[in-house]
Amino acid sequence: MPTFPWTRLLHDRTPIYLSTEEPHWFVPTSAADALLAPLAAGFSPNGDSRLPGLLARLPKVRPLDYAGRSAHLDL
């Protein structure tokens, strides 16, 4: 399975997931957080049949294509 592209943060005991690549974020339900928290911590999926459907509903995160500053500088 590819790397989970979301970072889990807590604010006043509320989980917030931030995209590692794009400006996306979401606050899951407690049931969704129970499925996602292990992935965010780096563990393998637990085989729960609800997980693929939940992951399909998340925004698609595309890795950034960053060629460095040289592509934008005229020297």
PDB file of N, CA and C in Angstrom:
ATOM      1  N   MET A   1       0.850  -1.181   0.000  1.00  0.00           N
ATOM      2  CA  MET A   1       0.000   0.000   0.000  1.00  0.00           C
ATOM      3  C   MET A   1       0.894   1.241   0.000  1.00  0.00           C
ATOM      4  N   PRO A   2       0.558   2.264  -0.809  1.00  0.00           N
ATOM      5  CA  PRO A   2       1.365   3.487  -0.815  1.00  0.00           C
ATOM      6  C   PRO A   2       1.309   4.197   0.532  1.00  0.00           C
ATOM      7  N   THR A   3       2.234   5.110   0.711  1.00  0.00           N
ATOM      8  CA  THR A   3       2.283   5.891   1.943  1.00  0.00           C
ATOM      9  C   THR A   3       0.983   6.661   2.124  1.00  0.00           C
ATOM     10  N   PHE A   4       0.483   6.697   3.340  1.00  0.00           N
ATOM     11  CA  PHE A   4      -0.743   7.434   3.655  1.00  0.00           C
ATOM     12  C   PHE A   4      -0.430   8.926   3.572  1.00  0.00           C
ATOM     13  N   PRO A   5      -1.085   9.674   2.671  1.00  0.00           N
ATOM     14  CA  PRO A   5      -0.706  11.072   2.423  1.00  0.00           C
ATOM     15  C   PRO A   5      -1.360  12.088   3.357  1.00  0.00           C
ATOM     16  N   TRP A   6      -1.679  11.684   4.565  1.00  0.00           N
ATOM     17  CA  TRP A   6      -2.344  12.574   5.516  1.00  0.00           C
ATOM     18  C   TRP A   6      -1.614  12.538   6.851  1.00  0.00           C
ATOM     19  N   THR A   7      -1.527  13.688   7.499  1.00  0.00           N
ATOM     20  CA  THR A   7      -0.948  13.796   8.835  1.00  0.00           C
ATOM     21  C   THR A   7      -2.083  14.042   9.811  1.00  0.00           C
ATOM     22  N   ARG A   8      -2.104  13.283  10.893  1.00  0.00           N
ATOM     23  CA  ARG A   8      -3.158  13.417  11.901  1.00  0.00           C
ATOM     24  C   ARG A   8      -2.672  14.333  13.014  1.00  0.00           C
ATOM     25  N   LEU A   9      -3.451  15.368  13.287  1.00  0.00           N
ATOM     26  CA  LEU A   9      -3.187  16.282  14.397  1.00  0.00           C
ATOM     27  C   LEU A   9      -4.385  16.271  15.324  1.00  0.00           C
ATOM     28  N   LEU A  10      -4.158  16.606  16.578  1.00  0.00           N
ATOM     29  CA  LEU A  10      -5.255  16.743  17.532  1.00  0.00           C
ATOM     30  C   LEU A  10      -5.339  18.184  17.997  1.00  0.00           C
ATOM     31  N   HIS A  11      -6.549  18.713  18.033  1.00  0.00           N
ATOM     32  CA  HIS A  11      -6.803  20.046  18.578  1.00  0.00           C
ATOM     33  C   HIS A  11      -7.979  19.915  19.533  1.00  0.00           C
ATOM     34  N   ASP A  12      -7.732  20.116  20.815  1.00  0.00           N
ATOM     35  CA  ASP A  12      -8.778  19.947  21.833  1.00  0.00           C
ATOM     36  C   ASP A  12      -9.477  18.596  21.682  1.00  0.00           C
ATOM     37  N   ARG A  13      -8.693  17.550  21.518  1.00  0.00           N
ATOM     38  CA  ARG A  13      -9.170  16.169  21.374  1.00  0.00           C
ATOM     39  C   ARG A  13      -9.967  15.921  20.097  1.00  0.00           C
ATOM     40  N   THR A  14      -9.892  16.835  19.147  1.00  0.00           N
ATOM     41  CA  THR A  14     -10.548  16.665  17.851  1.00  0.00           C
ATOM     42  C   THR A  14      -9.486  16.333  16.809  1.00  0.00           C
ATOM     43  N   PRO A  15      -9.606  15.189  16.132  1.00  0.00           N
ATOM     44  CA  PRO A  15      -8.619  14.857  15.105  1.00  0.00           C
ATOM     45  C   PRO A  15      -8.829  15.697  13.850  1.00  0.00           C
ATOM     46  N   ILE A  16      -7.732  16.156  13.293  1.00  0.00           N
ATOM     47  CA  ILE A  16      -7.733  16.909  12.043  1.00  0.00           C
ATOM     48  C   ILE A  16      -6.680  16.262  11.150  1.00  0.00           C
ATOM     49  N   TYR A  17      -7.061  15.944   9.935  1.00  0.00           N
ATOM     50  CA  TYR A  17      -6.130  15.345   8.988  1.00  0.00           C
ATOM     51  C   TYR A  17      -5.737  16.391   7.959  1.00  0.00           C
ATOM     52  N   LEU A  18      -4.421  16.596   7.807  1.00  0.00           N
ATOM     53  CA  LEU A  18      -3.873  17.554   6.851  1.00  0.00           C
ATOM     54  C   LEU A  18      -3.137  16.800   5.753  1.00  0.00           C
ATOM     55  N   SER A  19      -3.358  17.219   4.520  1.00  0.00           N
ATOM     56  CA  SER A  19      -2.643  16.618   3.403  1.00  0.00           C
ATOM     57  C   SER A  19      -1.168  16.975   3.507  1.00  0.00           C
ATOM     58  N   THR A  20      -0.312  16.018   3.185  1.00  0.00           N
ATOM     59  CA  THR A  20       1.128  16.281   3.193  1.00  0.00           C
ATOM     60  C   THR A  20       1.589  16.930   1.897  1.00  0.00           C
ATOM     61  N   GLU A  21       0.727  16.985   0.882  1.00  0.00           N
ATOM     62  CA  GLU A  21       1.123  17.486  -0.430  1.00  0.00           C
ATOM     63  C   GLU A  21       0.325  18.687  -0.919  1.00  0.00           C
ATOM     64  N   GLU A  22      -0.923  18.805  -0.534  1.00  0.00           N
ATOM     65  CA  GLU A  22      -1.803  19.856  -1.055  1.00  0.00           C
ATOM     66  C   GLU A  22      -2.564  20.510   0.097  1.00  0.00           C
ATOM     67  N   PRO A  23      -3.185  21.655  -0.154  1.00  0.00           N
ATOM     68  CA  PRO A  23      -3.918  22.339   0.916  1.00  0.00           C
ATOM     69  C   PRO A  23      -5.308  21.741   1.151  1.00  0.00           C
ATOM     70  N   HIS A  24      -5.352  20.474   1.561  1.00  0.00           N
ATOM     71  CA  HIS A  24      -6.602  19.804   1.911  1.00  0.00           C
ATOM     72  C   HIS A  24      -6.555  19.456   3.387  1.00  0.00           C
ATOM     73  N   TRP A  25      -7.732  19.466   4.019  1.00  0.00           N
ATOM     74  CA  TRP A  25      -7.840  19.013   5.395  1.00  0.00           C
ATOM     75  C   TRP A  25      -9.263  18.529   5.617  1.00  0.00           C
ATOM     76  N   PHE A  26      -9.446  17.691   6.647  1.00  0.00           N
ATOM     77  CA  PHE A  26     -10.792  17.261   7.016  1.00  0.00           C
ATOM     78  C   PHE A  26     -10.803  16.828   8.472  1.00  0.00           C
ATOM     79  N   VAL A  27     -11.996  16.866   9.057  1.00  0.00           N
ATOM     80  CA  VAL A  27     -12.227  16.398  10.423  1.00  0.00           C
ATOM     81  C   VAL A  27     -13.132  15.178  10.300  1.00  0.00           C
ATOM     82  N   PRO A  28     -12.630  13.995  10.636  1.00  0.00           N
ATOM     83  CA  PRO A  28     -13.421  12.781  10.465  1.00  0.00           C
ATOM     84  C   PRO A  28     -14.383  12.550  11.629  1.00  0.00           C
ATOM     85  N   THR A  29     -15.350  11.687  11.403  1.00  0.00           N
ATOM     86  CA  THR A  29     -16.186  11.211  12.497  1.00  0.00           C
ATOM     87  C   THR A  29     -15.322  10.322  13.387  1.00  0.00           C
ATOM     88  N   SER A  30     -15.810   9.984  14.553  1.00  0.00           N
ATOM     89  CA  SER A  30     -15.021   9.122  15.443  1.00  0.00           C
ATOM     90  C   SER A  30     -14.820   7.739  14.820  1.00  0.00           C
ATOM     91  N   ALA A  31     -15.824   7.239  14.097  1.00  0.00           N
ATOM     92  CA  ALA A  31     -15.681   5.932  13.439  1.00  0.00           C
ATOM     93  C   ALA A  31     -14.629   5.992  12.332  1.00  0.00           C
ATOM     94  N   ALA A  32     -14.641   7.057  11.542  1.00  0.00           N
ATOM     95  CA  ALA A  32     -13.644   7.208  10.477  1.00  0.00           C
ATOM     96  C   ALA A  32     -12.251   7.379  11.070  1.00  0.00           C
ATOM     97  N   ASP A  33     -12.144   8.133  12.152  1.00  0.00           N
ATOM     98  CA  ASP A  33     -10.838   8.323  12.782  1.00  0.00           C
ATOM     99  C   ASP A  33     -10.282   7.003  13.305  1.00  0.00           C
ATOM    100  N   ALA A  34     -11.152   6.149  13.822  1.00  0.00           N
ATOM    101  CA  ALA A  34     -10.693   4.846  14.317  1.00  0.00           C
ATOM    102  C   ALA A  34     -10.084   4.013  13.188  1.00  0.00           C
ATOM    103  N   LEU A  35     -10.582   4.183  11.966  1.00  0.00           N
ATOM    104  CA  LEU A  35     -10.022   3.463  10.821  1.00  0.00           C
ATOM    105  C   LEU A  35      -8.755   4.125  10.289  1.00  0.00           C
ATOM    106  N   LEU A  36      -8.712   5.460  10.321  1.00  0.00           N
ATOM    107  CA  LEU A  36      -7.606   6.194   9.711  1.00  0.00           C
ATOM    108  C   LEU A  36      -6.397   6.382  10.627  1.00  0.00           C
ATOM    109  N   ALA A  37      -6.613   6.473  11.926  1.00  0.00           N
ATOM    110  CA  ALA A  37      -5.511   6.756  12.857  1.00  0.00           C
ATOM    111  C   ALA A  37      -4.362   5.753  12.734  1.00  0.00           C
ATOM    112  N   PRO A  38      -4.628   4.445  12.636  1.00  0.00           N
ATOM    113  CA  PRO A  38      -3.496   3.522  12.466  1.00  0.00           C
ATOM    114  C   PRO A  38      -2.706   3.773  11.181  1.00  0.00           C
ATOM    115  N   LEU A  39      -3.396   4.131  10.099  1.00  0.00           N
ATOM    116  CA  LEU A  39      -2.691   4.435   8.846  1.00  0.00           C
ATOM    117  C   LEU A  39      -1.812   5.663   9.014  1.00  0.00           C
ATOM    118  N   ALA A  40      -2.346   6.688   9.677  1.00  0.00           N
ATOM    119  CA  ALA A  40      -1.583   7.917   9.892  1.00  0.00           C
ATOM    120  C   ALA A  40      -0.366   7.668  10.779  1.00  0.00           C
ATOM    121  N   ALA A  41      -0.458   6.662  11.652  1.00  0.00           N
ATOM    122  CA  ALA A  41       0.660   6.323  12.533  1.00  0.00           C
ATOM    123  C   ALA A  41       1.673   5.404  11.850  1.00  0.00           C
ATOM    124  N   GLY A  42       1.401   5.022  10.596  1.00  0.00           N
ATOM    125  CA  GLY A  42       2.356   4.205   9.856  1.00  0.00           C
ATOM    126  C   GLY A  42       2.100   2.717   9.894  1.00  0.00           C
ATOM    127  N   PHE A  43       0.969   2.297  10.455  1.00  0.00           N
ATOM    128  CA  PHE A  43       0.656   0.871  10.527  1.00  0.00           C
ATOM    129  C   PHE A  43      -0.065   0.415   9.262  1.00  0.00           C
ATOM    130  N   SER A  44      -0.039  -0.872   9.011  1.00  0.00           N
ATOM    131  CA  SER A  44      -0.736  -1.448   7.862  1.00  0.00           C
ATOM    132  C   SER A  44      -2.238  -1.434   8.108  1.00  0.00           C
ATOM    133  N   PRO A  45      -3.027  -1.419   7.029  1.00  0.00           N
ATOM    134  CA  PRO A  45      -4.481  -1.486   7.199  1.00  0.00           C
ATOM    135  C   PRO A  45      -4.859  -2.755   7.949  1.00  0.00           C
ATOM    136  N   ASN A  46      -5.917  -2.668   8.735  1.00  0.00           N
ATOM    137  CA  ASN A  46      -6.306  -3.810   9.566  1.00  0.00           C
ATOM    138  C   ASN A  46      -7.266  -4.763   8.870  1.00  0.00           C
ATOM    139  N   GLY A  47      -7.562  -4.545   7.595  1.00  0.00           N
ATOM    140  CA  GLY A  47      -8.440  -5.448   6.869  1.00  0.00           C
ATOM    141  C   GLY A  47      -9.917  -5.147   7.033  1.00  0.00           C
ATOM    142  N   ASP A  48     -10.267  -4.048   7.675  1.00  0.00           N
ATOM    143  CA  ASP A  48     -11.669  -3.672   7.836  1.00  0.00           C
ATOM    144  C   ASP A  48     -12.272  -3.407   6.458  1.00  0.00           C
ATOM    145  N   SER A  49     -13.401  -4.005   6.176  1.00  0.00           N
ATOM    146  CA  SER A  49     -14.018  -3.885   4.850  1.00  0.00           C
ATOM    147  C   SER A  49     -14.525  -2.478   4.556  1.00  0.00           C
ATOM    148  N   ARG A  50     -14.643  -1.624   5.572  1.00  0.00           N
ATOM    149  CA  ARG A  50     -15.108  -0.249   5.359  1.00  0.00           C
ATOM    150  C   ARG A  50     -13.986   0.679   4.905  1.00  0.00           C
ATOM    151  N   LEU A  51     -12.737   0.274   5.109  1.00  0.00           N
ATOM    152  CA  LEU A  51     -11.605   1.154   4.822  1.00  0.00           C
ATOM    153  C   LEU A  51     -11.486   1.551   3.344  1.00  0.00           C
ATOM    154  N   PRO A  52     -11.597   0.640   2.383  1.00  0.00           N
ATOM    155  CA  PRO A  52     -11.485   1.074   0.975  1.00  0.00           C
ATOM    156  C   PRO A  52     -12.531   2.123   0.590  1.00  0.00           C
ATOM    157  N   GLY A  53     -13.756   1.971   1.059  1.00  0.00           N
ATOM    158  CA  GLY A  53     -14.797   2.955   0.758  1.00  0.00           C
ATOM    159  C   GLY A  53     -14.500   4.304   1.371  1.00  0.00           C
ATOM    160  N   LEU A  54     -13.974   4.291   2.592  1.00  0.00           N
ATOM    161  CA  LEU A  54     -13.622   5.547   3.258  1.00  0.00           C
ATOM    162  C   LEU A  54     -12.478   6.236   2.523  1.00  0.00           C
ATOM    163  N   LEU A  55     -11.448   5.492   2.170  1.00  0.00           N
ATOM    164  CA  LEU A  55     -10.309   6.081   1.458  1.00  0.00           C
ATOM    165  C   LEU A  55     -10.725   6.643   0.098  1.00  0.00           C
ATOM    166  N   ALA A  56     -11.695   6.010  -0.552  1.00  0.00           N
ATOM    167  CA  ALA A  56     -12.165   6.491  -1.854  1.00  0.00           C
ATOM    168  C   ALA A  56     -12.878   7.834  -1.736  1.00  0.00           C
ATOM    169  N   ARG A  57     -13.399   8.144  -0.553  1.00  0.00           N
ATOM    170  CA  ARG A  57     -14.122   9.406  -0.359  1.00  0.00           C
ATOM    171  C   ARG A  57     -13.202  10.575  -0.031  1.00  0.00           C
ATOM    172  N   LEU A  58     -11.953  10.294   0.300  1.00  0.00           N
ATOM    173  CA  LEU A  58     -11.011  11.365   0.632  1.00  0.00           C
ATOM    174  C   LEU A  58     -10.566  12.076  -0.636  1.00  0.00           C
ATOM    175  N   PRO A  59     -10.201  13.361  -0.528  1.00  0.00           N
ATOM    176  CA  PRO A  59      -9.686  14.067  -1.709  1.00  0.00           C
ATOM    177  C   PRO A  59      -8.451  13.352  -2.254  1.00  0.00           C
ATOM    178  N   LYS A  60      -8.351  13.294  -3.557  1.00  0.00           N
ATOM    179  CA  LYS A  60      -7.182  12.677  -4.183  1.00  0.00           C
ATOM    180  C   LYS A  60      -5.997  13.621  -4.038  1.00  0.00           C
ATOM    181  N   VAL A  61      -4.935  13.125  -3.454  1.00  0.00           N
ATOM    182  CA  VAL A  61      -3.734  13.926  -3.222  1.00  0.00           C
ATOM    183  C   VAL A  61      -2.702  13.549  -4.268  1.00  0.00           C
ATOM    184  N   ARG A  62      -2.270  14.536  -5.015  1.00  0.00           N
ATOM    185  CA  ARG A  62      -1.244  14.319  -6.041  1.00  0.00           C
ATOM    186  C   ARG A  62       0.108  14.767  -5.487  1.00  0.00           C
ATOM    187  N   PRO A  63       1.148  13.968  -5.659  1.00  0.00           N
ATOM    188  CA  PRO A  63       2.479  14.419  -5.235  1.00  0.00           C
ATOM    189  C   PRO A  63       2.883  15.662  -6.022  1.00  0.00           C
ATOM    190  N   LEU A  64       3.560  16.549  -5.358  1.00  0.00           N
ATOM    191  CA  LEU A  64       4.009  17.774  -6.011  1.00  0.00           C
ATOM    192  C   LEU A  64       5.169  17.480  -6.949  1.00  0.00           C
ATOM    193  N   ASP A  65       5.133  18.087  -8.113  1.00  0.00           N
ATOM    194  CA  ASP A  65       6.245  17.996  -9.053  1.00  0.00           C
ATOM    195  C   ASP A  65       7.065  19.269  -8.895  1.00  0.00           C
ATOM    196  N   TYR A  66       8.071  19.213  -8.060  1.00  0.00           N
ATOM    197  CA  TYR A  66       8.879  20.389  -7.781  1.00  0.00           C
ATOM    198  C   TYR A  66      10.249  20.190  -8.405  1.00  0.00           C
ATOM    199  N   ALA A  67      10.545  21.001  -9.395  1.00  0.00           N
ATOM    200  CA  ALA A  67      11.819  20.882 -10.098  1.00  0.00           C
ATOM    201  C   ALA A  67      12.906  21.743  -9.466  1.00  0.00           C
ATOM    202  N   GLY A  68      12.592  22.399  -8.387  1.00  0.00           N
ATOM    203  CA  GLY A  68      13.562  23.285  -7.748  1.00  0.00           C
ATOM    204  C   GLY A  68      13.415  24.706  -8.244  1.00  0.00           C
ATOM    205  N   ARG A  69      14.165  25.599  -7.633  1.00  0.00           N
ATOM    206  CA  ARG A  69      14.074  27.021  -7.983  1.00  0.00           C
ATOM    207  C   ARG A  69      14.658  27.334  -9.344  1.00  0.00           C
ATOM    208  N   SER A  70      15.583  26.523  -9.801  1.00  0.00           N
ATOM    209  CA  SER A  70      16.253  26.832 -11.066  1.00  0.00           C
ATOM    210  C   SER A  70      15.269  26.910 -12.232  1.00  0.00           C
ATOM    211  N   ALA A  71      14.155  26.203 -12.148  1.00  0.00           N
ATOM    212  CA  ALA A  71      13.158  26.258 -13.218  1.00  0.00           C
ATOM    213  C   ALA A  71      12.452  27.610 -13.273  1.00  0.00           C
ATOM    214  N   HIS A  72      12.547  28.398 -12.204  1.00  0.00           N
ATOM    215  CA  HIS A  72      11.848  29.679 -12.128  1.00  0.00           C
ATOM    216  C   HIS A  72      12.783  30.887 -12.136  1.00  0.00           C
ATOM    217  N   LEU A  73      14.082  30.653 -12.145  1.00  0.00           N
ATOM    218  CA  LEU A  73      15.043  31.748 -12.071  1.00  0.00           C
ATOM    219  C   LEU A  73      15.767  31.936 -13.399  1.00  0.00           C
ATOM    220  N   ASP A  74      15.929  33.176 -13.789  1.00  0.00           N
ATOM    221  CA  ASP A  74      16.752  33.510 -14.952  1.00  0.00           C
ATOM    222  C   ASP A  74      18.036  34.148 -14.433  1.00  0.00           C
ATOM    223  N   LEU A  75      19.142  33.460 -14.597  1.00  0.00           N
ATOM    224  CA  LEU A  75      20.423  33.989 -14.112  1.00  0.00           C
ATOM    225  C   LEU A  75      21.298  34.421 -15.253  1.00  0.00           C
TER     226      LEU A  75
END
